[in-house]
N, C-alpha and C. Protein backbone atom coordinates (compact mmCIF):
# COMPACT_ATOMS: atom_id res chain seq x y z
N MET A 1 -51.27 8.92 -12.24
CA MET A 1 -50.79 8.98 -10.88
C MET A 1 -50.27 10.39 -10.58
N VAL A 2 -50.54 10.87 -9.45
CA VAL A 2 -50.21 12.24 -9.09
C VAL A 2 -48.87 12.38 -8.35
N LEU A 3 -48.14 11.27 -8.17
CA LEU A 3 -46.89 11.31 -7.45
C LEU A 3 -45.91 12.29 -8.05
N LYS A 4 -45.78 12.31 -9.37
CA LYS A 4 -44.86 13.23 -10.04
C LYS A 4 -45.16 14.68 -9.65
N GLN A 5 -46.41 15.06 -9.68
CA GLN A 5 -46.80 16.46 -9.38
C GLN A 5 -46.56 16.75 -7.90
N ILE A 6 -46.79 15.79 -7.00
CA ILE A 6 -46.51 16.01 -5.57
C ILE A 6 -45.04 16.31 -5.39
N LEU A 7 -44.17 15.52 -6.01
CA LEU A 7 -42.73 15.72 -5.84
C LEU A 7 -42.32 17.04 -6.45
N GLU A 8 -42.86 17.42 -7.57
CA GLU A 8 -42.49 18.68 -8.22
C GLU A 8 -42.91 19.86 -7.35
N ILE A 9 -44.15 19.82 -6.84
CA ILE A 9 -44.62 20.91 -5.97
C ILE A 9 -43.78 20.98 -4.71
N TYR A 10 -43.48 19.84 -4.12
CA TYR A 10 -42.65 19.80 -2.92
C TYR A 10 -41.35 20.55 -3.16
N GLU A 11 -40.70 20.25 -4.29
CA GLU A 11 -39.42 20.90 -4.60
C GLU A 11 -39.59 22.43 -4.79
N TYR A 12 -40.69 22.85 -5.38
CA TYR A 12 -40.94 24.29 -5.59
C TYR A 12 -41.11 25.03 -4.26
N ILE A 13 -41.82 24.43 -3.33
CA ILE A 13 -42.15 25.19 -2.11
C ILE A 13 -41.28 24.86 -0.90
N ASP A 14 -40.35 23.94 -1.05
CA ASP A 14 -39.43 23.61 0.06
C ASP A 14 -38.28 24.59 0.04
N SER A 15 -38.58 25.83 0.40
CA SER A 15 -37.58 26.90 0.35
C SER A 15 -37.98 28.02 1.27
N ALA A 16 -37.00 28.66 1.89
CA ALA A 16 -37.26 29.82 2.76
C ALA A 16 -37.82 30.97 1.92
N ASN A 17 -37.63 30.95 0.61
CA ASN A 17 -38.07 32.03 -0.25
C ASN A 17 -39.27 31.67 -1.11
N ALA A 18 -39.95 30.58 -0.80
CA ALA A 18 -41.14 30.17 -1.55
C ALA A 18 -42.16 31.27 -1.52
N ASN A 19 -42.84 31.49 -2.68
CA ASN A 19 -43.86 32.51 -2.73
C ASN A 19 -44.88 32.18 -3.82
N GLY A 20 -45.97 32.88 -3.78
CA GLY A 20 -47.08 32.66 -4.72
C GLY A 20 -46.72 32.96 -6.16
N GLU A 21 -45.89 33.95 -6.38
CA GLU A 21 -45.53 34.31 -7.77
C GLU A 21 -44.77 33.16 -8.45
N GLU A 22 -43.88 32.47 -7.71
CA GLU A 22 -43.15 31.31 -8.28
C GLU A 22 -44.14 30.20 -8.67
N ILE A 23 -45.10 29.94 -7.81
CA ILE A 23 -46.10 28.92 -8.07
C ILE A 23 -46.96 29.33 -9.27
N LYS A 24 -47.28 30.62 -9.35
CA LYS A 24 -48.04 31.10 -10.47
C LYS A 24 -47.31 30.87 -11.80
N GLU A 25 -46.01 31.19 -11.82
CA GLU A 25 -45.21 30.96 -13.02
C GLU A 25 -45.17 29.47 -13.38
N TYR A 26 -45.03 28.63 -12.35
CA TYR A 26 -45.03 27.17 -12.60
C TYR A 26 -46.35 26.71 -13.22
N MET A 27 -47.46 27.15 -12.62
CA MET A 27 -48.77 26.75 -13.12
C MET A 27 -48.98 27.26 -14.55
N GLU A 28 -48.56 28.47 -14.81
CA GLU A 28 -48.70 29.02 -16.17
C GLU A 28 -47.82 28.22 -17.15
N SER A 29 -46.67 27.73 -16.69
CA SER A 29 -45.83 26.94 -17.60
C SER A 29 -46.54 25.60 -17.93
N LEU A 30 -47.46 25.19 -17.11
CA LEU A 30 -48.24 23.98 -17.38
C LEU A 30 -49.48 24.26 -18.21
N GLY A 31 -49.75 25.54 -18.48
CA GLY A 31 -50.90 25.92 -19.31
C GLY A 31 -52.01 26.61 -18.58
N ALA A 32 -51.88 26.89 -17.30
CA ALA A 32 -52.94 27.61 -16.56
C ALA A 32 -53.10 29.00 -17.12
N LYS A 33 -54.36 29.39 -17.32
CA LYS A 33 -54.66 30.73 -17.87
C LYS A 33 -55.18 31.69 -16.79
N ASP A 34 -55.71 31.14 -15.71
CA ASP A 34 -56.34 31.98 -14.68
C ASP A 34 -55.72 31.65 -13.29
N VAL A 35 -54.64 32.32 -13.00
CA VAL A 35 -53.97 32.16 -11.70
C VAL A 35 -53.88 33.51 -11.02
N GLN A 36 -54.42 33.58 -9.81
CA GLN A 36 -54.41 34.84 -9.08
C GLN A 36 -53.59 34.65 -7.79
N VAL A 37 -52.77 35.66 -7.49
CA VAL A 37 -51.99 35.65 -6.23
C VAL A 37 -52.27 36.96 -5.52
N LYS A 38 -52.57 36.84 -4.23
CA LYS A 38 -52.79 38.02 -3.42
C LYS A 38 -51.98 37.88 -2.14
N THR A 39 -51.14 38.87 -1.88
CA THR A 39 -50.32 38.87 -0.67
C THR A 39 -51.04 39.62 0.44
N ILE A 40 -51.14 38.96 1.60
CA ILE A 40 -51.73 39.57 2.77
C ILE A 40 -50.61 39.72 3.79
N THR A 41 -50.47 40.95 4.29
CA THR A 41 -49.40 41.26 5.27
C THR A 41 -49.98 41.66 6.59
N GLY A 42 -49.43 41.16 7.69
CA GLY A 42 -49.91 41.48 9.02
C GLY A 42 -48.71 41.77 9.93
N ASP A 43 -48.99 41.96 11.19
CA ASP A 43 -47.96 42.30 12.14
C ASP A 43 -46.88 41.21 12.29
N LYS A 44 -47.27 39.95 12.07
CA LYS A 44 -46.35 38.85 12.29
C LYS A 44 -45.80 38.24 11.00
N GLY A 45 -46.09 38.85 9.89
CA GLY A 45 -45.57 38.31 8.64
C GLY A 45 -46.55 38.46 7.50
N LYS A 46 -46.33 37.64 6.48
CA LYS A 46 -47.19 37.71 5.30
C LYS A 46 -47.40 36.32 4.71
N THR A 47 -48.42 36.21 3.89
CA THR A 47 -48.70 34.96 3.19
C THR A 47 -49.25 35.32 1.80
N ASP A 48 -48.97 34.46 0.85
CA ASP A 48 -49.49 34.64 -0.52
C ASP A 48 -50.63 33.65 -0.74
N PHE A 49 -51.84 34.18 -0.91
CA PHE A 49 -52.98 33.32 -1.29
C PHE A 49 -52.94 33.13 -2.78
N ILE A 50 -53.17 31.90 -3.20
CA ILE A 50 -53.12 31.58 -4.63
C ILE A 50 -54.41 30.83 -5.00
N ARG A 51 -54.95 31.24 -6.16
CA ARG A 51 -56.18 30.60 -6.67
C ARG A 51 -55.94 30.28 -8.16
N ILE A 52 -56.20 29.03 -8.50
CA ILE A 52 -56.01 28.55 -9.87
C ILE A 52 -57.38 28.03 -10.33
N THR A 53 -57.88 28.59 -11.42
CA THR A 53 -59.14 28.10 -11.99
C THR A 53 -58.81 27.33 -13.27
N ILE A 54 -59.23 26.07 -13.28
CA ILE A 54 -58.98 25.20 -14.43
C ILE A 54 -60.32 24.97 -15.09
N PRO A 55 -60.53 25.51 -16.29
CA PRO A 55 -61.83 25.43 -16.94
C PRO A 55 -62.17 24.01 -17.40
N GLY A 56 -63.44 23.68 -17.29
CA GLY A 56 -63.92 22.41 -17.79
C GLY A 56 -64.56 22.61 -19.16
N THR A 57 -64.94 21.54 -19.80
CA THR A 57 -65.52 21.63 -21.14
C THR A 57 -66.90 22.25 -21.12
N ARG A 58 -67.61 22.08 -20.00
CA ARG A 58 -68.97 22.67 -19.88
C ARG A 58 -69.13 23.44 -18.59
N GLY A 59 -68.04 24.06 -18.14
CA GLY A 59 -68.03 24.75 -16.84
C GLY A 59 -68.67 26.12 -16.88
N LYS A 60 -68.83 26.66 -15.71
CA LYS A 60 -69.40 28.00 -15.56
C LYS A 60 -68.52 29.09 -16.16
N SER A 61 -67.20 28.84 -16.23
CA SER A 61 -66.31 29.80 -16.84
C SER A 61 -66.62 29.98 -18.34
N LYS A 62 -67.31 28.99 -18.93
CA LYS A 62 -67.71 29.07 -20.34
C LYS A 62 -69.19 29.40 -20.47
N GLY A 63 -69.83 29.73 -19.33
CA GLY A 63 -71.22 30.08 -19.35
C GLY A 63 -72.17 28.88 -19.41
N LEU A 64 -71.61 27.68 -19.12
CA LEU A 64 -72.42 26.48 -19.19
C LEU A 64 -72.73 25.98 -17.77
N ASP A 65 -73.26 24.78 -17.66
CA ASP A 65 -73.90 24.40 -16.38
C ASP A 65 -73.27 23.24 -15.62
N ALA A 66 -72.12 22.76 -16.02
CA ALA A 66 -71.50 21.67 -15.26
C ALA A 66 -71.07 22.16 -13.88
N PRO A 67 -71.19 21.31 -12.85
CA PRO A 67 -70.83 21.74 -11.49
C PRO A 67 -69.35 22.07 -11.37
N THR A 68 -69.08 23.01 -10.48
CA THR A 68 -67.71 23.43 -10.20
C THR A 68 -67.20 22.67 -8.96
N LEU A 69 -65.98 22.19 -9.04
CA LEU A 69 -65.33 21.50 -7.90
C LEU A 69 -64.32 22.46 -7.28
N GLY A 70 -64.33 22.55 -5.97
CA GLY A 70 -63.35 23.36 -5.27
C GLY A 70 -62.41 22.48 -4.50
N VAL A 71 -61.12 22.77 -4.56
CA VAL A 71 -60.08 22.09 -3.80
C VAL A 71 -59.40 23.14 -2.94
N LEU A 72 -59.51 22.99 -1.64
CA LEU A 72 -58.93 23.95 -0.72
C LEU A 72 -57.78 23.34 0.07
N GLY A 73 -56.60 23.88 -0.11
CA GLY A 73 -55.42 23.43 0.63
C GLY A 73 -55.36 24.16 1.98
N ARG A 74 -55.74 23.47 3.02
CA ARG A 74 -55.85 24.12 4.34
C ARG A 74 -54.59 23.81 5.15
N LEU A 75 -53.98 24.89 5.72
CA LEU A 75 -52.76 24.71 6.47
C LEU A 75 -52.47 25.99 7.26
N GLY A 76 -51.52 25.89 8.17
CA GLY A 76 -51.05 27.06 8.87
C GLY A 76 -49.92 27.75 8.10
N GLY A 77 -49.00 26.95 7.60
CA GLY A 77 -47.90 27.48 6.81
C GLY A 77 -47.07 26.34 6.30
N ILE A 78 -46.28 26.57 5.25
CA ILE A 78 -45.41 25.50 4.73
C ILE A 78 -44.09 25.47 5.49
N GLY A 79 -43.79 26.52 6.23
CA GLY A 79 -42.60 26.53 7.08
C GLY A 79 -42.89 27.35 8.33
N ALA A 80 -42.05 27.20 9.33
CA ALA A 80 -42.22 27.94 10.60
C ALA A 80 -40.89 28.55 11.00
N ARG A 81 -40.20 29.11 10.03
CA ARG A 81 -38.91 29.71 10.28
C ARG A 81 -39.02 30.93 11.17
N PRO A 82 -38.15 31.19 12.05
CA PRO A 82 -36.87 30.53 12.27
C PRO A 82 -36.94 29.39 13.29
N GLU A 83 -38.08 29.15 13.92
CA GLU A 83 -38.17 28.10 14.93
C GLU A 83 -37.94 26.70 14.34
N MET A 84 -38.48 26.43 13.17
CA MET A 84 -38.36 25.15 12.51
C MET A 84 -37.73 25.40 11.11
N ILE A 85 -36.63 24.74 10.81
CA ILE A 85 -35.97 24.91 9.54
C ILE A 85 -36.54 23.88 8.57
N GLY A 86 -36.81 24.30 7.35
CA GLY A 86 -37.31 23.42 6.35
C GLY A 86 -38.85 23.36 6.33
N MET A 87 -39.35 22.52 5.48
CA MET A 87 -40.82 22.39 5.35
C MET A 87 -41.35 21.65 6.56
N VAL A 88 -42.53 22.07 7.03
CA VAL A 88 -43.16 21.45 8.17
C VAL A 88 -44.32 20.53 7.71
N SER A 89 -44.75 19.65 8.60
CA SER A 89 -45.81 18.67 8.24
C SER A 89 -47.11 19.39 7.90
N ASP A 90 -47.31 20.59 8.39
CA ASP A 90 -48.55 21.31 8.09
C ASP A 90 -48.61 21.71 6.62
N ALA A 91 -47.53 21.61 5.86
CA ALA A 91 -47.51 21.96 4.45
C ALA A 91 -48.33 21.04 3.56
N ASP A 92 -48.74 19.90 4.08
CA ASP A 92 -49.42 18.91 3.26
C ASP A 92 -50.65 19.45 2.55
N GLY A 93 -51.37 20.36 3.18
CA GLY A 93 -52.55 20.94 2.56
C GLY A 93 -52.21 21.70 1.27
N ALA A 94 -51.15 22.49 1.32
CA ALA A 94 -50.73 23.24 0.11
C ALA A 94 -50.18 22.30 -0.92
N VAL A 95 -49.35 21.36 -0.50
CA VAL A 95 -48.73 20.43 -1.45
C VAL A 95 -49.80 19.66 -2.23
N VAL A 96 -50.75 19.11 -1.56
CA VAL A 96 -51.78 18.31 -2.24
C VAL A 96 -52.66 19.17 -3.13
N ALA A 97 -53.09 20.32 -2.66
CA ALA A 97 -53.94 21.19 -3.49
C ALA A 97 -53.21 21.60 -4.75
N LEU A 98 -51.98 22.03 -4.64
CA LEU A 98 -51.23 22.48 -5.81
C LEU A 98 -50.90 21.33 -6.73
N ALA A 99 -50.67 20.13 -6.14
CA ALA A 99 -50.42 18.97 -7.00
C ALA A 99 -51.67 18.56 -7.77
N VAL A 100 -52.84 18.73 -7.18
CA VAL A 100 -54.09 18.48 -7.91
C VAL A 100 -54.19 19.40 -9.10
N ALA A 101 -53.90 20.69 -8.90
CA ALA A 101 -53.95 21.64 -10.01
C ALA A 101 -52.97 21.24 -11.11
N ALA A 102 -51.73 20.90 -10.70
CA ALA A 102 -50.72 20.53 -11.66
C ALA A 102 -51.14 19.27 -12.45
N LYS A 103 -51.74 18.30 -11.76
CA LYS A 103 -52.17 17.08 -12.44
C LYS A 103 -53.31 17.35 -13.41
N LEU A 104 -54.27 18.17 -13.01
CA LEU A 104 -55.38 18.49 -13.93
C LEU A 104 -54.90 19.23 -15.15
N LEU A 105 -53.92 20.11 -14.97
CA LEU A 105 -53.34 20.82 -16.13
C LEU A 105 -52.59 19.84 -17.03
N ASP A 106 -51.86 18.90 -16.43
CA ASP A 106 -51.19 17.88 -17.18
C ASP A 106 -52.15 17.02 -17.98
N MET A 107 -53.26 16.66 -17.35
CA MET A 107 -54.29 15.90 -18.05
C MET A 107 -54.85 16.67 -19.25
N GLN A 108 -55.11 17.96 -19.06
CA GLN A 108 -55.62 18.78 -20.16
C GLN A 108 -54.62 18.84 -21.30
N ASN A 109 -53.33 18.93 -20.95
CA ASN A 109 -52.30 18.97 -21.99
C ASN A 109 -52.25 17.65 -22.80
N LYS A 110 -52.77 16.60 -22.20
CA LYS A 110 -52.79 15.29 -22.88
C LYS A 110 -54.16 14.95 -23.45
N GLY A 111 -55.07 15.96 -23.44
CA GLY A 111 -56.39 15.76 -24.07
C GLY A 111 -57.52 15.33 -23.18
N ASP A 112 -57.30 15.18 -21.87
CA ASP A 112 -58.38 14.77 -20.95
C ASP A 112 -58.86 16.01 -20.18
N PHE A 113 -60.15 16.27 -20.33
CA PHE A 113 -60.79 17.44 -19.70
C PHE A 113 -61.94 17.01 -18.81
N LEU A 114 -62.09 17.61 -17.66
CA LEU A 114 -63.25 17.40 -16.83
C LEU A 114 -64.39 18.27 -17.36
N PRO A 115 -65.65 17.86 -17.16
CA PRO A 115 -66.76 18.70 -17.65
C PRO A 115 -66.88 20.04 -16.90
N GLY A 116 -66.71 20.01 -15.60
CA GLY A 116 -66.85 21.23 -14.82
C GLY A 116 -65.54 21.91 -14.51
N ASP A 117 -65.61 23.18 -14.15
CA ASP A 117 -64.44 23.91 -13.72
C ASP A 117 -63.92 23.35 -12.42
N VAL A 118 -62.63 23.51 -12.14
CA VAL A 118 -62.04 23.17 -10.86
C VAL A 118 -61.32 24.39 -10.33
N VAL A 119 -61.63 24.82 -9.15
CA VAL A 119 -60.96 25.97 -8.51
C VAL A 119 -60.11 25.44 -7.37
N VAL A 120 -58.83 25.71 -7.47
CA VAL A 120 -57.88 25.27 -6.42
C VAL A 120 -57.37 26.50 -5.70
N SER A 121 -57.42 26.44 -4.37
CA SER A 121 -56.95 27.62 -3.60
C SER A 121 -56.21 27.17 -2.36
N THR A 122 -55.12 27.86 -2.05
CA THR A 122 -54.33 27.60 -0.86
C THR A 122 -53.49 28.84 -0.57
N HIS A 123 -52.56 28.72 0.34
CA HIS A 123 -51.64 29.83 0.56
C HIS A 123 -50.24 29.33 0.80
N ILE A 124 -49.28 30.22 0.54
CA ILE A 124 -47.86 29.94 0.64
C ILE A 124 -47.27 30.85 1.68
N CYS A 125 -46.79 30.29 2.78
CA CYS A 125 -46.17 31.05 3.85
C CYS A 125 -45.02 30.24 4.41
N PRO A 126 -43.74 30.56 3.97
CA PRO A 126 -42.61 29.75 4.40
C PRO A 126 -42.13 30.05 5.82
N ASN A 127 -42.70 31.07 6.47
CA ASN A 127 -42.25 31.46 7.82
C ASN A 127 -43.42 31.82 8.71
N ALA A 128 -44.34 30.89 8.84
CA ALA A 128 -45.51 31.14 9.67
C ALA A 128 -45.11 31.24 11.16
N PRO A 129 -45.71 32.15 11.89
CA PRO A 129 -45.40 32.27 13.32
C PRO A 129 -45.89 31.04 14.10
N THR A 130 -45.16 30.64 15.10
CA THR A 130 -45.56 29.48 15.88
C THR A 130 -46.29 29.85 17.18
N GLN A 131 -46.30 31.12 17.52
CA GLN A 131 -46.97 31.60 18.72
C GLN A 131 -48.08 32.56 18.34
N PRO A 132 -49.25 32.48 18.97
CA PRO A 132 -50.37 33.37 18.64
C PRO A 132 -50.07 34.81 19.00
């Protein structure tokens, strides 16, 4: 059951200071070896894009042929500060995608591996602008 991972991810990103580097450290503590974070900055703020690749037993990361699964956490932002305090409902895309990565890493730590690679990608933005 993925409930544990959803609650853990929620606690990690329910913060005005949430960022991709914190999530990277968390994923690495679960055993992730390939976590990339890229910060994009614009006129109205910034967001951290995060990509976690979880290798499968016969995945392309090992030069083999099992299909790769992609999980994309789609959202506007996890927060909309200062207009909205706290996590917003739009955060569900990031929460679920990151929880999937955490669950797959937990499964690998317990000896269960998928055949193909899984690539999880989303972004972390605790203060997304509410006006275009």
